[in-house]
Amino acid sequence: LENLQALLEQNQPPVDLIFCSHAHDDHCRGLLQ
C-alpha cells in the first residue's frame, strides 16, 4: 500500500507480525513507513 492510514490509525502495532513475500514494490511499498 502507498496509503497506510488504515494501519497507522492507532498508536500500537496493528498486527503481530508481517511477512514480505518479495522485493517488488507492489508487495513492499509501505514496509519502511
PDB file of all heavy atoms in Angstrom:
ATOM      1  N   LEU A   1       0.832  -1.212   0.000  1.00  0.00           N
ATOM      2  CA  LEU A   1       0.000   0.000   0.000  1.00  0.00           C
ATOM      3  C   LEU A   1       0.862   1.255   0.000  1.00  0.00           C
ATOM      4  O   LEU A   1       1.933   1.301   0.608  1.00  0.00           O
ATOM      5  CB  LEU A   1      -0.898   0.025   1.232  1.00  0.00           C
ATOM      6  CG  LEU A   1      -1.882  -1.138   1.419  1.00  0.00           C
ATOM      7  CD1 LEU A   1      -2.644  -0.955   2.718  1.00  0.00           C
ATOM      8  CD2 LEU A   1      -2.838  -1.233   0.235  1.00  0.00           C
ATOM      9  N   GLU A   2       0.352   2.290  -0.660  1.00  0.00           N
ATOM     10  CA  GLU A   2       1.001   3.595  -0.585  1.00  0.00           C
ATOM     11  C   GLU A   2       0.405   4.411   0.551  1.00  0.00           C
ATOM     12  O   GLU A   2       1.121   5.133   1.254  1.00  0.00           O
ATOM     13  CB  GLU A   2       0.830   4.323  -1.922  1.00  0.00           C
ATOM     14  CG  GLU A   2       1.713   5.541  -2.054  1.00  0.00           C
ATOM     15  CD  GLU A   2       1.838   5.997  -3.492  1.00  0.00           C
ATOM     16  OE1 GLU A   2       1.179   5.417  -4.375  1.00  0.00           O
ATOM     17  OE2 GLU A   2       2.590   6.957  -3.723  1.00  0.00           O
ATOM     18  N   ASN A   3      -0.894   4.289   0.740  1.00  0.00           N
ATOM     19  CA  ASN A   3      -1.582   4.986   1.826  1.00  0.00           C
ATOM     20  C   ASN A   3      -1.786   4.014   2.990  1.00  0.00           C
ATOM     21  O   ASN A   3      -2.560   3.070   2.892  1.00  0.00           O
ATOM     22  CB  ASN A   3      -2.921   5.517   1.334  1.00  0.00           C
ATOM     23  CG  ASN A   3      -3.668   6.309   2.388  1.00  0.00           C
ATOM     24  OD1 ASN A   3      -3.250   6.390   3.548  1.00  0.00           O
ATOM     25  ND2 ASN A   3      -4.791   6.900   2.001  1.00  0.00           N
ATOM     26  N   LEU A   4      -1.093   4.266   4.111  1.00  0.00           N
ATOM     27  CA  LEU A   4      -1.146   3.358   5.261  1.00  0.00           C
ATOM     28  C   LEU A   4      -2.053   3.860   6.380  1.00  0.00           C
ATOM     29  O   LEU A   4      -1.946   3.394   7.517  1.00  0.00           O
ATOM     30  CB  LEU A   4       0.261   3.135   5.824  1.00  0.00           C
ATOM     31  CG  LEU A   4       1.286   2.467   4.908  1.00  0.00           C
ATOM     32  CD1 LEU A   4       2.577   2.220   5.674  1.00  0.00           C
ATOM     33  CD2 LEU A   4       0.757   1.171   4.343  1.00  0.00           C
ATOM     34  N   GLN A   5      -2.931   4.787   6.075  1.00  0.00           N
ATOM     35  CA  GLN A   5      -3.756   5.386   7.123  1.00  0.00           C
ATOM     36  C   GLN A   5      -4.502   4.329   7.938  1.00  0.00           C
ATOM     37  O   GLN A   5      -4.574   4.411   9.165  1.00  0.00           O
ATOM     38  CB  GLN A   5      -4.749   6.369   6.504  1.00  0.00           C
ATOM     39  CG  GLN A   5      -5.625   7.067   7.533  1.00  0.00           C
ATOM     40  CD  GLN A   5      -6.587   8.060   6.886  1.00  0.00           C
ATOM     41  OE1 GLN A   5      -6.531   8.294   5.679  1.00  0.00           O
ATOM     42  NE2 GLN A   5      -7.471   8.636   7.693  1.00  0.00           N
ATOM     43  N   ALA A   6      -5.047   3.324   7.274  1.00  0.00           N
ATOM     44  CA  ALA A   6      -5.831   2.301   7.978  1.00  0.00           C
ATOM     45  C   ALA A   6      -4.975   1.493   8.951  1.00  0.00           C
ATOM     46  O   ALA A   6      -5.475   0.986   9.957  1.00  0.00           O
ATOM     47  CB  ALA A   6      -6.491   1.369   6.970  1.00  0.00           C
ATOM     48  N   LEU A   7      -3.679   1.384   8.670  1.00  0.00           N
ATOM     49  CA  LEU A   7      -2.779   0.607   9.526  1.00  0.00           C
ATOM     50  C   LEU A   7      -2.126   1.461  10.608  1.00  0.00           C
ATOM     51  O   LEU A   7      -1.607   0.932  11.595  1.00  0.00           O
ATOM     52  CB  LEU A   7      -1.694  -0.060   8.681  1.00  0.00           C
ATOM     53  CG  LEU A   7      -2.171  -1.167   7.720  1.00  0.00           C
ATOM     54  CD1 LEU A   7      -1.061  -1.558   6.760  1.00  0.00           C
ATOM     55  CD2 LEU A   7      -2.652  -2.380   8.502  1.00  0.00           C
ATOM     56  N   LEU A   8      -2.142   2.770  10.413  1.00  0.00           N
ATOM     57  CA  LEU A   8      -1.446   3.660  11.353  1.00  0.00           C
ATOM     58  C   LEU A   8      -2.403   4.448  12.243  1.00  0.00           C
ATOM     59  O   LEU A   8      -1.959   5.301  13.011  1.00  0.00           O
ATOM     60  CB  LEU A   8      -0.567   4.644  10.574  1.00  0.00           C
ATOM     61  CG  LEU A   8       0.517   4.035   9.686  1.00  0.00           C
ATOM     62  CD1 LEU A   8       1.264   5.127   8.930  1.00  0.00           C
ATOM     63  CD2 LEU A   8       1.494   3.203  10.508  1.00  0.00           C
ATOM     64  N   GLU A   9      -3.710   4.159  12.173  1.00  0.00           N
ATOM     65  CA  GLU A   9      -4.673   4.985  12.883  1.00  0.00           C
ATOM     66  C   GLU A   9      -4.619   4.803  14.401  1.00  0.00           C
ATOM     67  O   GLU A   9      -5.164   5.608  15.142  1.00  0.00           O
ATOM     68  CB  GLU A   9      -6.089   4.703  12.363  1.00  0.00           C
ATOM     69  CG  GLU A   9      -6.543   3.265  12.493  1.00  0.00           C
ATOM     70  CD  GLU A   9      -7.864   3.015  11.774  1.00  0.00           C
ATOM     71  OE1 GLU A   9      -8.364   3.946  11.099  1.00  0.00           O
ATOM     72  OE2 GLU A   9      -8.400   1.904  11.888  1.00  0.00           O
ATOM     73  N   GLN A  10      -3.975   3.741  14.859  1.00  0.00           N
ATOM     74  CA  GLN A  10      -3.832   3.542  16.294  1.00  0.00           C
ATOM     75  C   GLN A  10      -2.367   3.730  16.691  1.00  0.00           C
ATOM     76  O   GLN A  10      -1.470   3.674  15.853  1.00  0.00           O
ATOM     77  CB  GLN A  10      -4.308   2.146  16.689  1.00  0.00           C
ATOM     78  CG  GLN A  10      -5.782   1.895  16.364  1.00  0.00           C
ATOM     79  CD  GLN A  10      -6.231   0.504  16.741  1.00  0.00           C
ATOM     80  OE1 GLN A  10      -5.526  -0.211  17.438  1.00  0.00           O
ATOM     81  NE2 GLN A  10      -7.421   0.129  16.291  1.00  0.00           N
ATOM     82  N   ASN A  11      -2.135   3.929  17.978  1.00  0.00           N
ATOM     83  CA  ASN A  11      -0.768   4.149  18.459  1.00  0.00           C
ATOM     84  C   ASN A  11      -0.063   2.849  18.835  1.00  0.00           C
ATOM     85  O   ASN A  11       0.970   2.879  19.516  1.00  0.00           O
ATOM     86  CB  ASN A  11      -0.783   5.095  19.674  1.00  0.00           C
ATOM     87  CG  ASN A  11      -1.232   6.493  19.290  1.00  0.00           C
ATOM     88  OD1 ASN A  11      -0.917   6.967  18.199  1.00  0.00           O
ATOM     89  ND2 ASN A  11      -1.963   7.141  20.170  1.00  0.00           N
ATOM     90  N   GLN A  12      -0.617   1.738  18.423  1.00  0.00           N
ATOM     91  CA  GLN A  12       0.007   0.449  18.687  1.00  0.00           C
ATOM     92  C   GLN A  12       0.053  -0.360  17.403  1.00  0.00           C
ATOM     93  O   GLN A  12      -0.713  -0.093  16.468  1.00  0.00           O
ATOM     94  CB  GLN A  12      -0.787  -0.303  19.760  1.00  0.00           C
ATOM     95  CG  GLN A  12      -2.236  -0.559  19.389  1.00  0.00           C
ATOM     96  CD  GLN A  12      -3.006  -1.204  20.525  1.00  0.00           C
ATOM     97  OE1 GLN A  12      -2.522  -1.309  21.639  1.00  0.00           O
ATOM     98  NE2 GLN A  12      -4.226  -1.647  20.227  1.00  0.00           N
ATOM     99  N   PRO A  13       0.948  -1.341  17.323  1.00  0.00           N
ATOM    100  CA  PRO A  13       1.067  -2.127  16.098  1.00  0.00           C
ATOM    101  C   PRO A  13      -0.279  -2.744  15.704  1.00  0.00           C
ATOM    102  O   PRO A  13      -0.978  -3.299  16.549  1.00  0.00           O
ATOM    103  CB  PRO A  13       2.092  -3.206  16.463  1.00  0.00           C
ATOM    104  CG  PRO A  13       2.907  -2.594  17.548  1.00  0.00           C
ATOM    105  CD  PRO A  13       1.953  -1.744  18.334  1.00  0.00           C
ATOM    106  N   PRO A  14      -0.647  -2.653  14.443  1.00  0.00           N
ATOM    107  CA  PRO A  14      -1.945  -3.166  14.007  1.00  0.00           C
ATOM    108  C   PRO A  14      -1.967  -4.688  13.873  1.00  0.00           C
ATOM    109  O   PRO A  14      -3.040  -5.282  13.743  1.00  0.00           O
ATOM    110  CB  PRO A  14      -2.145  -2.503  12.638  1.00  0.00           C
ATOM    111  CG  PRO A  14      -0.747  -2.277  12.137  1.00  0.00           C
ATOM    112  CD  PRO A  14       0.089  -1.990  13.345  1.00  0.00           C
ATOM    113  N   VAL A  15      -0.779  -5.310  13.872  1.00  0.00           N
ATOM    114  CA  VAL A  15      -0.697  -6.770  13.701  1.00  0.00           C
ATOM    115  C   VAL A  15       0.396  -7.311  14.627  1.00  0.00           C
ATOM    116  O   VAL A  15       1.144  -6.550  15.261  1.00  0.00           O
ATOM    117  CB  VAL A  15      -0.374  -7.151  12.233  1.00  0.00           C
ATOM    118  CG1 VAL A  15      -1.520  -6.789  11.314  1.00  0.00           C
ATOM    119  CG2 VAL A  15       0.924  -6.499  11.767  1.00  0.00           C
ATOM    120  N   ASP A  16       0.495  -8.641  14.669  1.00  0.00           N
ATOM    121  CA  ASP A  16       1.530  -9.267  15.498  1.00  0.00           C
ATOM    122  C   ASP A  16       2.829  -9.479  14.735  1.00  0.00           C
ATOM    123  O   ASP A  16       3.914  -9.474  15.325  1.00  0.00           O
ATOM    124  CB  ASP A  16       1.028 -10.613  16.026  1.00  0.00           C
ATOM    125  CG  ASP A  16      -0.203 -10.451  16.905  1.00  0.00           C
ATOM    126  OD1 ASP A  16      -0.089  -9.763  17.937  1.00  0.00           O
ATOM    127  OD2 ASP A  16      -1.275 -10.979  16.547  1.00  0.00           O
ATOM    128  N   LEU A  17       2.729  -9.675  13.431  1.00  0.00           N
ATOM    129  CA  LEU A  17       3.933  -9.830  12.608  1.00  0.00           C
ATOM    130  C   LEU A  17       3.580  -9.566  11.158  1.00  0.00           C
ATOM    131  O   LEU A  17       2.418  -9.590  10.759  1.00  0.00           O
ATOM    132  CB  LEU A  17       4.554 -11.217  12.772  1.00  0.00           C
ATOM    133  CG  LEU A  17       3.729 -12.434  12.343  1.00  0.00           C
ATOM    134  CD1 LEU A  17       4.123 -12.894  10.943  1.00  0.00           C
ATOM    135  CD2 LEU A  17       3.935 -13.592  13.322  1.00  0.00           C
ATOM    136  N   ILE A  18       4.619  -9.315  10.360  1.00  0.00           N
ATOM    137  CA  ILE A  18       4.458  -9.044   8.932  1.00  0.00           C
ATOM    138  C   ILE A  18       5.294 -10.048   8.155  1.00  0.00           C
ATOM    139  O   ILE A  18       6.407 -10.394   8.545  1.00  0.00           O
ATOM    140  CB  ILE A  18       4.914  -7.614   8.573  1.00  0.00           C
ATOM    141  CG1 ILE A  18       4.112  -6.576   9.369  1.00  0.00           C
ATOM    142  CG2 ILE A  18       4.782  -7.350   7.082  1.00  0.00           C
ATOM    143  CD1 ILE A  18       4.650  -5.159   9.215  1.00  0.00           C
ATOM    144  N   PHE A  19       4.752 -10.497   7.031  1.00  0.00           N
ATOM    145  CA  PHE A  19       5.529 -11.319   6.101  1.00  0.00           C
ATOM    146  C   PHE A  19       5.637 -10.572   4.783  1.00  0.00           C
ATOM    147  O   PHE A  19       4.632 -10.102   4.235  1.00  0.00           O
ATOM    148  CB  PHE A  19       4.857 -12.674   5.873  1.00  0.00           C
ATOM    149  CG  PHE A  19       5.399 -13.418   4.674  1.00  0.00           C
ATOM    150  CD1 PHE A  19       6.710 -13.881   4.662  1.00  0.00           C
ATOM    151  CD2 PHE A  19       4.604 -13.635   3.559  1.00  0.00           C
ATOM    152  CE1 PHE A  19       7.219 -14.541   3.550  1.00  0.00           C
ATOM    153  CE2 PHE A  19       5.097 -14.307   2.446  1.00  0.00           C
ATOM    154  CZ  PHE A  19       6.412 -14.762   2.447  1.00  0.00           C
ATOM    155  N   CYS A  20       6.849 -10.433   4.270  1.00  0.00           N
ATOM    156  CA  CYS A  20       7.076  -9.821   2.962  1.00  0.00           C
ATOM    157  C   CYS A  20       7.513 -10.921   1.995  1.00  0.00           C
ATOM    158  O   CYS A  20       8.560 -11.534   2.178  1.00  0.00           O
ATOM    159  CB  CYS A  20       8.148  -8.734   3.042  1.00  0.00           C
ATOM    160  SG  CYS A  20       8.550  -7.998   1.432  1.00  0.00           S
ATOM    161  N   SER A  21       6.710 -11.143   0.952  1.00  0.00           N
ATOM    162  CA  SER A  21       6.984 -12.260   0.044  1.00  0.00           C
ATOM    163  C   SER A  21       8.164 -11.997  -0.876  1.00  0.00           C
ATOM    164  O   SER A  21       8.944 -12.918  -1.155  1.00  0.00           O
ATOM    165  CB  SER A  21       5.731 -12.576  -0.790  1.00  0.00           C
ATOM    166  OG  SER A  21       5.391 -11.481  -1.620  1.00  0.00           O
ATOM    167  N   HIS A  22       8.322 -10.753  -1.361  1.00  0.00           N
ATOM    168  CA  HIS A  22       9.459 -10.457  -2.240  1.00  0.00           C
ATOM    169  C   HIS A  22       9.593  -8.946  -2.403  1.00  0.00           C
ATOM    170  O   HIS A  22       8.793  -8.180  -1.849  1.00  0.00           O
ATOM    171  CB  HIS A  22       9.314 -11.157  -3.596  1.00  0.00           C
ATOM    172  CG  HIS A  22       8.147 -10.701  -4.407  1.00  0.00           C
ATOM    173  ND1 HIS A  22       6.837 -11.037  -4.115  1.00  0.00           N
ATOM    174  CD2 HIS A  22       8.069  -9.928  -5.531  1.00  0.00           C
ATOM    175  CE1 HIS A  22       6.028 -10.507  -5.011  1.00  0.00           C
ATOM    176  NE2 HIS A  22       6.743  -9.818  -5.869  1.00  0.00           N
ATOM    177  N   ALA A  23      10.583  -8.531  -3.178  1.00  0.00           N
ATOM    178  CA  ALA A  23      11.003  -7.129  -3.177  1.00  0.00           C
ATOM    179  C   ALA A  23      10.416  -6.281  -4.297  1.00  0.00           C
ATOM    180  O   ALA A  23      10.942  -5.205  -4.575  1.00  0.00           O
ATOM    181  CB  ALA A  23      12.537  -7.055  -3.223  1.00  0.00           C
ATOM    182  N   HIS A  24       9.364  -6.706  -4.960  1.00  0.00           N
ATOM    183  CA  HIS A  24       8.687  -5.822  -5.910  1.00  0.00           C
ATOM    184  C   HIS A  24       7.830  -4.827  -5.142  1.00  0.00           C
ATOM    185  O   HIS A  24       7.223  -5.171  -4.133  1.00  0.00           O
ATOM    186  CB  HIS A  24       7.840  -6.630  -6.885  1.00  0.00           C
ATOM    187  CG  HIS A  24       8.635  -7.213  -8.013  1.00  0.00           C
ATOM    188  ND1 HIS A  24       8.277  -8.376  -8.651  1.00  0.00           N
ATOM    189  CD2 HIS A  24       9.773  -6.790  -8.620  1.00  0.00           C
ATOM    190  CE1 HIS A  24       9.159  -8.647  -9.606  1.00  0.00           C
ATOM    191  NE2 HIS A  24      10.075  -7.698  -9.600  1.00  0.00           N
ATOM    192  N   ASP A  25       7.778  -3.589  -5.641  1.00  0.00           N
ATOM    193  CA  ASP A  25       7.182  -2.527  -4.832  1.00  0.00           C
ATOM    194  C   ASP A  25       5.694  -2.703  -4.563  1.00  0.00           C
ATOM    195  O   ASP A  25       5.183  -2.182  -3.567  1.00  0.00           O
ATOM    196  CB  ASP A  25       7.449  -1.144  -5.446  1.00  0.00           C
ATOM    197  CG  ASP A  25       6.856  -0.961  -6.822  1.00  0.00           C
ATOM    198  OD1 ASP A  25       6.303  -1.941  -7.364  1.00  0.00           O
ATOM    199  OD2 ASP A  25       6.946   0.158  -7.370  1.00  0.00           O
ATOM    200  N   ASP A  26       4.965  -3.451  -5.410  1.00  0.00           N
ATOM    201  CA  ASP A  26       3.541  -3.644  -5.119  1.00  0.00           C
ATOM    202  C   ASP A  26       3.327  -4.614  -3.967  1.00  0.00           C
ATOM    203  O   ASP A  26       2.191  -4.831  -3.537  1.00  0.00           O
ATOM    204  CB  ASP A  26       2.792  -4.118  -6.367  1.00  0.00           C
ATOM    205  CG  ASP A  26       3.322  -5.427  -6.927  1.00  0.00           C
ATOM    206  OD1 ASP A  26       4.514  -5.703  -6.782  1.00  0.00           O
ATOM    207  OD2 ASP A  26       2.527  -6.185  -7.532  1.00  0.00           O
ATOM    208  N   HIS A  27       4.404  -5.164  -3.415  1.00  0.00           N
ATOM    209  CA  HIS A  27       4.320  -6.040  -2.240  1.00  0.00           C
ATOM    210  C   HIS A  27       5.047  -5.460  -1.024  1.00  0.00           C
ATOM    211  O   HIS A  27       4.867  -5.962   0.081  1.00  0.00           O
ATOM    212  CB  HIS A  27       4.899  -7.417  -2.563  1.00  0.00           C
ATOM    213  CG  HIS A  27       4.070  -8.198  -3.527  1.00  0.00           C
ATOM    214  ND1 HIS A  27       3.266  -9.254  -3.151  1.00  0.00           N
ATOM    215  CD2 HIS A  27       3.898  -8.055  -4.862  1.00  0.00           C
ATOM    216  CE1 HIS A  27       2.652  -9.739  -4.219  1.00  0.00           C
ATOM    217  NE2 HIS A  27       3.013  -9.020  -5.270  1.00  0.00           N
ATOM    218  N   CYS A  28       5.864  -4.434  -1.240  1.00  0.00           N
ATOM    219  CA  CYS A  28       6.673  -3.930  -0.110  1.00  0.00           C
ATOM    220  C   CYS A  28       6.650  -2.421   0.024  1.00  0.00           C
ATOM    221  O   CYS A  28       7.333  -1.857   0.879  1.00  0.00           O
ATOM    222  CB  CYS A  28       8.120  -4.402  -0.268  1.00  0.00           C
ATOM    223  SG  CYS A  28       8.993  -3.643  -1.671  1.00  0.00           S
ATOM    224  N   ARG A  29       5.850  -1.726  -0.778  1.00  0.00           N
ATOM    225  CA  ARG A  29       5.882  -0.269  -0.852  1.00  0.00           C
ATOM    226  C   ARG A  29       5.737   0.407   0.510  1.00  0.00           C
ATOM    227  O   ARG A  29       6.363   1.438   0.783  1.00  0.00           O
ATOM    228  CB  ARG A  29       4.769   0.199  -1.797  1.00  0.00           C
ATOM    229  CG  ARG A  29       4.828   1.636  -2.198  1.00  0.00           C
ATOM    230  CD  ARG A  29       3.667   1.965  -3.123  1.00  0.00           C
ATOM    231  NE  ARG A  29       3.838   1.380  -4.446  1.00  0.00           N
ATOM    232  CZ  ARG A  29       2.962   0.562  -5.029  1.00  0.00           C
ATOM    233  NH1 ARG A  29       1.839   0.231  -4.400  1.00  0.00           N
ATOM    234  NH2 ARG A  29       3.181   0.085  -6.236  1.00  0.00           N
ATOM    235  N   GLY A  30       4.906  -0.143   1.398  1.00  0.00           N
ATOM    236  CA  GLY A  30       4.645   0.511   2.677  1.00  0.00           C
ATOM    237  C   GLY A  30       5.478   0.006   3.836  1.00  0.00           C
ATOM    238  O   GLY A  30       5.296   0.457   4.982  1.00  0.00           O
ATOM    239  N   LEU A  31       6.412  -0.915   3.583  1.00  0.00           N
ATOM    240  CA  LEU A  31       7.157  -1.540   4.691  1.00  0.00           C
ATOM    241  C   LEU A  31       7.989  -0.552   5.488  1.00  0.00           C
ATOM    242  O   LEU A  31       8.001  -0.601   6.717  1.00  0.00           O
ATOM    243  CB  LEU A  31       8.059  -2.656   4.155  1.00  0.00           C
ATOM    244  CG  LEU A  31       7.417  -4.019   3.890  1.00  0.00           C
ATOM    245  CD1 LEU A  31       8.487  -5.014   3.483  1.00  0.00           C
ATOM    246  CD2 LEU A  31       6.677  -4.518   5.128  1.00  0.00           C
ATOM    247  N   LEU A  32       8.727   0.317   4.809  1.00  0.00           N
ATOM    248  CA  LEU A  32       9.614   1.233   5.525  1.00  0.00           C
ATOM    249  C   LEU A  32       8.813   2.150   6.444  1.00  0.00           C
ATOM    250  O   LEU A  32       9.168   2.345   7.615  1.00  0.00           O
ATOM    251  CB  LEU A  32      10.437   2.052   4.539  1.00  0.00           C
ATOM    252  CG  LEU A  32      11.390   3.072   5.160  1.00  0.00           C
ATOM    253  CD1 LEU A  32      12.395   2.400   6.088  1.00  0.00           C
ATOM    254  CD2 LEU A  32      12.113   3.877   4.083  1.00  0.00           C
ATOM    255  N   GLN A  33       7.707   2.692   5.948  1.00  0.00           N
ATOM    256  CA  GLN A  33       6.878   3.573   6.765  1.00  0.00           C
ATOM    257  C   GLN A  33       6.296   2.818   7.960  1.00  0.00           C
ATOM    258  O   GLN A  33       6.242   3.350   9.083  1.00  0.00           O
ATOM    259  CB  GLN A  33       5.755   4.181   5.917  1.00  0.00           C
ATOM    260  CG  GLN A  33       4.928   5.230   6.650  1.00  0.00           C
ATOM    261  CD  GLN A  33       3.806   5.795   5.787  1.00  0.00           C
ATOM    262  OE1 GLN A  33       3.699   5.479   4.595  1.00  0.00           O
ATOM    263  NE2 GLN A  33       2.954   6.619   6.379  1.00  0.00           N
TER     264      GLN A  33
END
